[in-house]
């Protein structure tokens, strides 16, 4: 019997279920001139090979469906989904990257396309200026050959889940009809003084206010406010902590000179040890 015929018979056995395979394997083994144990080994090897081919085909199909895009495309997708401004758009993109639910990679085009993973530790102190990712030292992380791409498919799923959570929180709660109040017996107690317990709406702080505060402190002491001091200031004045320590701090640092920018980040890390 030829090798081709032997492979054909083994493939037929590999497609059978266990009861049918058990009935036919002795007969096929006798026809091929091998013992049953060797036949079982050949059939098992064939099944693993077929499973490996199917697995690789599914991976190729999944990769072909994945959509990648540069930073401007990712920002445009966030703005389309959430309808927020440029500052909040950049902040949402950083949160998506840092959550590790949205892949970020380097990509080089050419005759052969190459990719390599993006180190997430490079996002510490990084900012987005002119649709470019700038590291803590003020250098552009993209080059003429290597471009940064974001997995737009994962970003779209991330934003859909974020929108779903917001909709659940904002859904109105149906309360039972209030019972008729009893006749008042005593005069009502005076209303307690309003205390900022974190439930009041946050006030909007402008970049100009944050810049004047940092510049004044630097002129007096030669140092900038640290992240921890920024957080305490935001909580005391009822500002958004995420906006102060995220968008405003990154925007202020982006406007500094490279030497001051490095000292600014070093002071922030020293004052807030992790």
Protein backbone atom coordinates (compact mmCIF):
# COMPACT_ATOMS: atom_id res chain seq x y z
CA UNK A 1 0.00 0.00 0.00
CA UNK A 2 1.38 3.41 -0.95
CA UNK A 3 2.10 6.21 1.49
CA UNK A 4 -0.68 8.30 -0.02
CA UNK A 5 -3.23 5.54 0.52
CA UNK A 6 -1.99 5.04 4.08
CA UNK A 7 -2.43 8.76 4.85
CA UNK A 8 -5.89 8.70 3.34
CA UNK A 9 -6.98 5.78 5.54
CA UNK A 10 -5.52 7.43 8.66
CA UNK A 11 -7.38 10.66 7.84
CA UNK A 12 -10.63 8.72 7.52
CA UNK A 13 -10.06 7.12 10.93
CA UNK A 14 -9.20 10.47 12.53
CA UNK A 15 -12.59 11.86 11.52
CA UNK A 16 -14.50 9.02 13.22
CA UNK A 17 -15.94 9.21 16.72
CA UNK A 18 -14.59 6.92 19.42
CA UNK A 19 -17.11 4.01 19.10
CA UNK A 20 -16.74 3.79 15.31
CA UNK A 21 -13.00 4.25 15.53
CA UNK A 22 -12.67 1.39 18.04
CA UNK A 23 -14.58 -0.95 15.73
CA UNK A 24 -12.53 -0.20 12.61
CA UNK A 25 -9.00 0.37 13.89
CA UNK A 26 -8.01 -3.31 14.11
CA UNK A 27 -9.15 -3.98 10.56
CA UNK A 28 -7.32 -0.93 9.19
CA UNK A 29 -4.19 -1.78 11.15
CA UNK A 30 -4.16 -5.24 9.61
CA UNK A 31 -4.65 -3.82 6.13
CA UNK A 32 -1.78 -1.35 6.60
CA UNK A 33 0.48 -3.99 8.10
CA UNK A 34 1.11 -2.20 11.41
CA UNK A 35 0.06 -2.90 14.98
CA UNK A 36 -2.83 -1.12 16.66
CA UNK A 37 -0.58 0.97 18.94
CA UNK A 38 1.34 2.47 16.02
CA UNK A 39 -1.95 3.18 14.26
CA UNK A 40 -3.27 5.04 17.32
CA UNK A 41 -0.08 7.14 17.40
CA UNK A 42 -0.40 8.05 13.72
CA UNK A 43 -4.07 8.97 14.11
CA UNK A 44 -3.35 11.13 17.17
CA UNK A 45 -0.54 12.91 15.32
CA UNK A 46 -2.87 13.58 12.39
CA UNK A 47 -5.54 15.04 14.68
CA UNK A 48 -3.03 17.40 16.34
CA UNK A 49 -1.74 18.54 12.96
CA UNK A 50 -5.25 19.31 11.74
CA UNK A 51 -6.08 21.17 14.97
CA UNK A 52 -2.90 23.24 14.62
CA UNK A 53 -3.79 24.21 11.05
CA UNK A 54 -7.31 25.25 12.10
CA UNK A 55 -5.93 27.28 15.02
CA UNK A 56 -3.47 29.18 12.80
CA UNK A 57 -6.22 29.88 10.28
CA UNK A 58 -8.46 31.32 13.01
CA UNK A 59 -5.62 33.55 14.24
CA UNK A 60 -4.99 34.87 10.74
CA UNK A 61 -8.70 35.59 10.33
CA UNK A 62 -8.82 37.39 13.68
CA UNK A 63 -5.78 39.51 12.81
CA UNK A 64 -7.33 40.46 9.47
CA UNK A 65 -10.45 41.71 11.28
CA UNK A 66 -8.47 43.81 13.79
CA UNK A 67 -8.46 47.51 12.94
CA UNK A 68 -5.41 49.63 13.82
CA UNK A 69 -4.99 53.39 13.59
CA UNK A 70 -2.68 56.22 14.58
CA UNK A 71 -3.20 58.70 17.42
CA UNK A 72 -5.40 61.14 15.40
CA UNK A 73 -7.72 58.28 14.44
CA UNK A 74 -7.95 57.13 18.08
CA UNK A 75 -8.74 60.68 19.28
CA UNK A 76 -11.37 61.10 16.57
CA UNK A 77 -13.03 57.81 17.61
CA UNK A 78 -13.19 58.90 21.27
CA UNK A 79 -14.62 62.29 20.33
CA UNK A 80 -17.23 60.62 18.11
CA UNK A 81 -18.26 58.13 20.79
CA UNK A 82 -18.21 60.37 23.89
CA UNK A 83 -18.67 63.83 22.40
CA UNK A 84 -16.06 65.45 24.70
CA UNK A 85 -13.51 68.20 24.14
CA UNK A 86 -9.85 67.79 23.09
CA UNK A 87 -8.49 67.76 26.65
CA UNK A 88 -10.90 65.11 27.90
CA UNK A 89 -10.35 63.12 24.68
CA UNK A 90 -6.61 62.88 25.35
CA UNK A 91 -7.26 61.95 28.98
CA UNK A 92 -9.63 59.12 27.97
CA UNK A 93 -7.02 57.80 25.51
CA UNK A 94 -4.35 57.67 28.23
CA UNK A 95 -6.76 55.86 30.56
CA UNK A 96 -7.56 53.31 27.84
CA UNK A 97 -3.85 52.62 27.28
CA UNK A 98 -3.07 52.36 30.98
CA UNK A 99 -5.97 49.95 31.55
CA UNK A 100 -4.13 47.40 29.31
CA UNK A 101 -7.45 46.67 27.58
CA UNK A 102 -6.36 48.59 24.46
CA UNK A 103 -3.17 47.48 22.72
CA UNK A 104 -0.51 49.96 21.69
CA UNK A 105 2.35 49.05 19.34
CA UNK A 106 5.09 50.35 17.10
CA UNK A 107 4.55 49.73 13.39
CA UNK A 108 6.96 50.11 10.48
CA UNK A 109 5.70 50.11 6.91
CA UNK A 110 7.57 48.97 3.84
CA UNK A 111 7.85 45.89 1.67
CA UNK A 112 7.39 43.84 4.85
CA UNK A 113 5.37 45.32 7.73
CA UNK A 114 6.99 44.90 11.15
CA UNK A 115 5.46 45.46 14.60
CA UNK A 116 6.86 45.48 18.11
CA UNK A 117 5.17 46.07 21.49
CA UNK A 118 5.08 49.52 23.06
CA UNK A 119 6.52 49.68 26.64
CA UNK A 120 3.70 51.02 28.83
CA UNK A 121 6.21 52.48 31.29
CA UNK A 122 6.98 55.13 28.65
CA UNK A 123 3.49 56.57 29.24
CA UNK A 124 4.56 57.91 32.65
CA UNK A 125 4.69 61.67 32.33
CA UNK A 126 3.94 61.54 28.59
CA UNK A 127 1.69 64.03 26.81
CA UNK A 128 0.00 64.38 23.43
CA UNK A 129 0.87 67.54 21.52
CA UNK A 130 0.02 68.14 17.85
CA UNK A 131 -1.27 64.54 17.61
CA UNK A 132 2.19 63.25 18.64
CA UNK A 133 3.10 61.28 21.78
CA UNK A 134 5.78 63.18 23.74
CA UNK A 135 7.67 61.47 26.57
CA UNK A 136 8.60 62.99 29.94
CA UNK A 137 11.87 64.35 28.55
CA UNK A 138 10.06 66.23 25.77
CA UNK A 139 11.12 63.92 22.92
CA UNK A 140 8.84 62.59 20.20
CA UNK A 141 8.38 58.82 20.59
CA UNK A 142 7.61 58.39 16.87
CA UNK A 143 10.25 58.41 14.13
CA UNK A 144 10.16 58.48 10.34
CA UNK A 145 10.27 54.66 10.30
CA UNK A 146 8.44 53.60 13.46
CA UNK A 147 4.89 54.87 14.00
CA UNK A 148 2.61 54.35 17.01
CA UNK A 149 -0.67 52.57 16.34
CA UNK A 150 -3.66 51.86 18.59
CA UNK A 151 -5.99 48.87 18.35
CA UNK A 152 -9.18 50.68 17.32
CA UNK A 153 -11.30 47.54 17.64
CA UNK A 154 -10.37 47.17 21.31
CA UNK A 155 -10.74 50.93 21.84
CA UNK A 156 -14.26 50.82 20.39
CA UNK A 157 -15.22 47.96 22.75
CA UNK A 158 -13.64 49.84 25.68
CA UNK A 159 -15.68 52.98 24.91
CA UNK A 160 -18.91 50.99 24.45
CA UNK A 161 -18.49 49.47 27.93
CA UNK A 162 -17.70 52.92 29.35
CA UNK A 163 -20.85 54.36 27.78
CA UNK A 164 -22.90 51.41 29.09
CA UNK A 165 -21.68 51.99 32.66
CA UNK A 166 -22.50 55.70 32.42
CA UNK A 167 -26.00 54.90 31.14
CA UNK A 168 -26.64 52.53 34.05
CA UNK A 169 -25.53 55.15 36.57
CA UNK A 170 -27.65 57.86 34.94
CA UNK A 171 -30.79 55.71 34.60
CA UNK A 172 -33.68 57.23 36.56
CA UNK A 173 -34.85 55.32 39.62
CA UNK A 174 -38.57 54.95 40.07
CA UNK A 175 -39.49 55.82 43.65
CA UNK A 176 -42.73 54.84 45.33
CA UNK A 177 -45.37 57.49 45.70
CA UNK A 178 -44.70 59.52 48.85
CA UNK A 179 -47.12 59.08 51.70
CA UNK A 180 -49.04 62.07 52.96
CA UNK A 181 -46.93 63.83 55.59
CA UNK A 182 -48.28 64.00 59.14
CA UNK A 183 -49.41 67.25 60.56
CA UNK A 184 -46.46 69.25 61.85
CA UNK A 185 -46.20 69.31 65.60
CA UNK A 186 -42.90 71.02 66.18
CA UNK A 187 -41.24 73.73 64.14
CA UNK A 188 -38.69 72.43 61.61
CA UNK A 189 -35.09 72.28 62.74
CA UNK A 190 -32.66 74.69 61.11
CA UNK A 191 -30.92 73.34 58.06
CA UNK A 192 -27.34 72.21 58.69
CA UNK A 193 -24.51 74.12 57.11
CA UNK A 194 -23.43 72.85 53.72
CA UNK A 195 -20.16 70.94 54.00
CA UNK A 196 -18.11 69.90 50.99
CA UNK A 197 -18.18 66.12 51.42
CA UNK A 198 -17.24 65.36 47.81
CA UNK A 199 -20.83 65.08 46.54
CA UNK A 200 -21.13 68.68 45.36
CA UNK A 201 -20.54 69.33 41.63
CA UNK A 202 -16.91 70.05 40.79
CA UNK A 203 -15.89 73.57 39.80
CA UNK A 204 -14.11 74.11 36.51
CA UNK A 205 -10.50 75.22 36.85
CA UNK A 206 -8.76 76.87 33.91
CA UNK A 207 -5.21 76.19 32.73
CA UNK A 208 -4.38 79.87 33.32
CA UNK A 209 -5.27 79.54 37.03
CA UNK A 210 -3.12 76.42 37.39
CA UNK A 211 -0.23 78.04 35.51
CA UNK A 212 -0.26 81.19 37.69
CA UNK A 213 -0.30 79.04 40.84
CA UNK A 214 2.71 76.95 39.72
CA UNK A 215 4.69 79.98 38.44
CA UNK A 216 4.11 81.97 41.64
CA UNK A 217 5.24 79.06 43.81
CA UNK A 218 8.31 78.48 41.61
CA UNK A 219 9.33 82.17 41.76
CA UNK A 220 9.11 82.12 45.57
CA UNK A 221 10.64 78.72 46.39
CA UNK A 222 12.44 77.56 43.26
CA UNK A 223 10.30 74.40 43.20
CA UNK A 224 6.95 73.37 41.74
CA UNK A 225 3.95 71.91 43.50
CA UNK A 226 4.07 68.09 43.53
CA UNK A 227 1.29 65.77 42.42
CA UNK A 228 0.23 65.20 46.03
CA UNK A 229 0.01 68.95 46.65
CA UNK A 230 -2.00 69.38 43.46
CA UNK A 231 -4.44 66.71 44.61
CA UNK A 232 -4.87 68.33 48.03
CA UNK A 233 -5.41 71.74 46.41
CA UNK A 234 -8.05 70.30 44.06
CA UNK A 235 -9.91 68.62 46.92
CA UNK A 236 -9.89 71.72 49.12
CA UNK A 237 -11.14 74.02 46.32
CA UNK A 238 -13.59 71.38 45.01
CA UNK A 239 -11.88 70.97 41.62
CA UNK A 240 -11.73 67.76 39.58
CA UNK A 241 -8.71 65.77 40.81
CA UNK A 242 -8.38 63.86 37.53
CA UNK A 243 -8.34 67.10 35.51
CA UNK A 244 -5.77 68.80 37.78
CA UNK A 245 -3.30 65.93 38.07
CA UNK A 246 -3.86 64.70 34.53
CA UNK A 247 -4.70 67.23 31.84
CA UNK A 248 -3.60 70.48 33.53
CA UNK A 249 -0.34 69.07 34.90
CA UNK A 250 0.59 67.52 31.53
CA UNK A 251 -0.32 70.70 29.62
CA UNK A 252 1.71 72.87 31.98
CA UNK A 253 4.72 70.57 31.68
CA UNK A 254 4.48 70.55 27.87
CA UNK A 255 4.93 74.35 27.83
CA UNK A 256 8.16 74.21 29.90
CA UNK A 257 11.66 74.09 28.48
CA UNK A 258 13.24 70.59 28.21
CA UNK A 259 15.51 71.20 31.23
CA UNK A 260 12.69 72.54 33.41
CA UNK A 261 10.39 69.78 32.20
CA UNK A 262 12.79 67.11 33.47
CA UNK A 263 13.15 68.84 36.86
CA UNK A 264 9.38 69.27 37.06
CA UNK A 265 8.78 65.52 36.61
CA UNK A 266 11.62 64.58 39.00
CA UNK A 267 10.18 66.81 41.72
CA UNK A 268 6.73 65.31 41.20
CA UNK A 269 8.05 61.75 41.63
CA UNK A 270 10.18 62.64 44.67
CA UNK A 271 7.30 64.32 46.44
CA UNK A 272 4.89 61.45 45.81
CA UNK A 273 6.77 58.16 46.27
CA UNK A 274 4.99 55.08 44.96
